[in-house]
Amino acid sequence: MPGNGAHANMSGAQYTKNGLLIPAEWLKKMGDDINVQRAGAVVIIESKQRLAARKQLGKLVRDLRRAARELSPLEDKKVSALVDEVRQARAGHR
């Protein structure tokens, strides 16, 4: 199967009343370093590196959401000041 986001030719797969059957050789071509898991009605097939990156991203998002909940809401003036500060910093890098 092609990597790097390329789409595979799906002609070897079969869709049945029980779901999608994926040929074993597709998994063999991916090598030994893959993770297969079921998530609801979906099967996720990915490299272990992508799994680790996805878990790391999920943890980062959870941490950011938790931090945002713990912070008090910003006032409009403070938001405007932060936006202006970022715009000035970006304008200086052009």
Protein backbone atom coordinates (compact mmCIF):
# COMPACT_ATOMS: atom_id res chain seq x y z
CA MET A 1 0.00 0.00 0.00
CA PRO A 2 1.33 3.45 -0.77
CA GLY A 3 2.43 5.62 2.14
CA ASN A 4 2.56 9.32 2.83
CA GLY A 5 -1.17 9.92 2.46
CA ALA A 6 -1.40 8.32 -0.99
CA HIS A 7 -4.56 6.38 -1.73
CA ALA A 8 -4.40 2.67 -2.38
CA ASN A 9 -6.11 0.79 -5.17
CA MET A 10 -9.10 -0.71 -3.34
CA SER A 11 -9.83 -3.36 -5.98
CA GLY A 12 -8.66 -6.20 -3.70
CA ALA A 13 -11.01 -5.30 -0.85
CA GLN A 14 -14.47 -6.80 -0.61
CA TYR A 15 -17.46 -5.19 1.00
CA THR A 16 -19.83 -7.76 2.50
CA LYS A 17 -22.94 -7.57 4.65
CA ASN A 18 -20.64 -7.99 7.67
CA GLY A 19 -18.24 -5.20 6.65
CA LEU A 20 -15.11 -4.57 4.64
CA LEU A 21 -12.68 -7.45 4.10
CA ILE A 22 -9.10 -6.30 3.72
CA PRO A 23 -6.69 -8.71 2.01
CA ALA A 24 -4.01 -10.01 4.37
CA GLU A 25 -1.27 -9.17 1.86
CA TRP A 26 -2.10 -5.47 2.29
CA LEU A 27 -1.24 -5.74 5.97
CA LYS A 28 1.87 -7.80 5.21
CA LYS A 29 3.10 -5.09 2.82
CA MET A 30 2.84 -2.57 5.65
CA GLY A 31 5.40 -4.57 7.62
CA ASP A 32 5.55 -5.72 11.21
CA ASP A 33 5.44 -2.23 12.66
CA ILE A 34 1.67 -1.66 12.45
CA ASN A 35 -1.13 -1.29 14.93
CA VAL A 36 -4.67 -2.50 14.20
CA GLN A 37 -7.48 -1.48 16.51
CA ARG A 38 -11.23 -1.20 16.45
CA ALA A 39 -12.89 2.07 17.42
CA GLY A 40 -16.66 1.70 17.32
CA ALA A 41 -17.66 0.78 13.77
CA VAL A 42 -14.20 1.70 12.42
CA VAL A 43 -10.96 -0.24 12.16
CA ILE A 44 -7.81 1.87 12.36
CA ILE A 45 -4.69 0.50 10.68
CA GLU A 46 -1.64 2.68 11.24
CA SER A 47 2.08 2.56 11.91
CA LYS A 48 3.18 2.52 15.52
CA GLN A 49 4.89 5.87 14.93
CA ARG A 50 1.62 7.41 13.74
CA LEU A 51 -0.19 5.87 16.72
CA ALA A 52 2.34 7.44 19.11
CA ALA A 53 2.04 10.82 17.35
CA ARG A 54 -1.77 10.64 17.46
CA LYS A 55 -1.73 9.83 21.18
CA GLN A 56 0.74 12.65 21.83
CA LEU A 57 -1.46 15.09 19.93
CA GLY A 58 -4.53 13.92 21.87
CA LYS A 59 -2.71 14.47 25.17
CA LEU A 60 -1.62 17.93 24.06
CA VAL A 61 -5.20 18.86 23.13
CA ARG A 62 -6.52 17.55 26.46
CA ASP A 63 -3.83 19.49 28.35
CA LEU A 64 -4.63 22.69 26.44
CA ARG A 65 -8.36 22.29 27.06
CA ARG A 66 -7.77 21.70 30.77
CA ALA A 67 -5.51 24.76 30.99
CA ALA A 68 -8.08 26.87 29.15
CA ARG A 69 -10.81 25.80 31.60
CA GLU A 70 -8.58 26.69 34.55
CA LEU A 71 -7.83 30.19 33.25
CA SER A 72 -10.25 32.96 33.91
CA PRO A 73 -11.89 34.43 30.81
CA LEU A 74 -9.88 37.19 29.14
CA GLU A 75 -11.36 40.64 28.83
CA ASP A 76 -11.85 42.08 25.34
CA LYS A 77 -9.14 44.71 25.96
CA LYS A 78 -6.62 42.01 26.89
CA VAL A 79 -7.48 39.96 23.79
CA SER A 80 -7.10 43.03 21.57
CA ALA A 81 -3.74 43.83 23.17
CA LEU A 82 -2.50 40.27 22.60
CA VAL A 83 -3.66 40.31 18.97
CA ASP A 84 -1.93 43.65 18.38
CA GLU A 85 1.25 42.32 19.98
CA VAL A 86 1.30 39.26 17.71
CA ARG A 87 0.58 41.36 14.61
CA GLN A 88 3.44 43.72 15.44
CA ALA A 89 5.81 40.81 16.03
CA ARG A 90 4.82 39.22 12.70
CA ALA A 91 5.15 42.51 10.83
CA GLY A 92 8.71 42.82 12.16
CA HIS A 93 9.68 39.43 10.68
CA ARG A 94 8.66 40.16 7.11
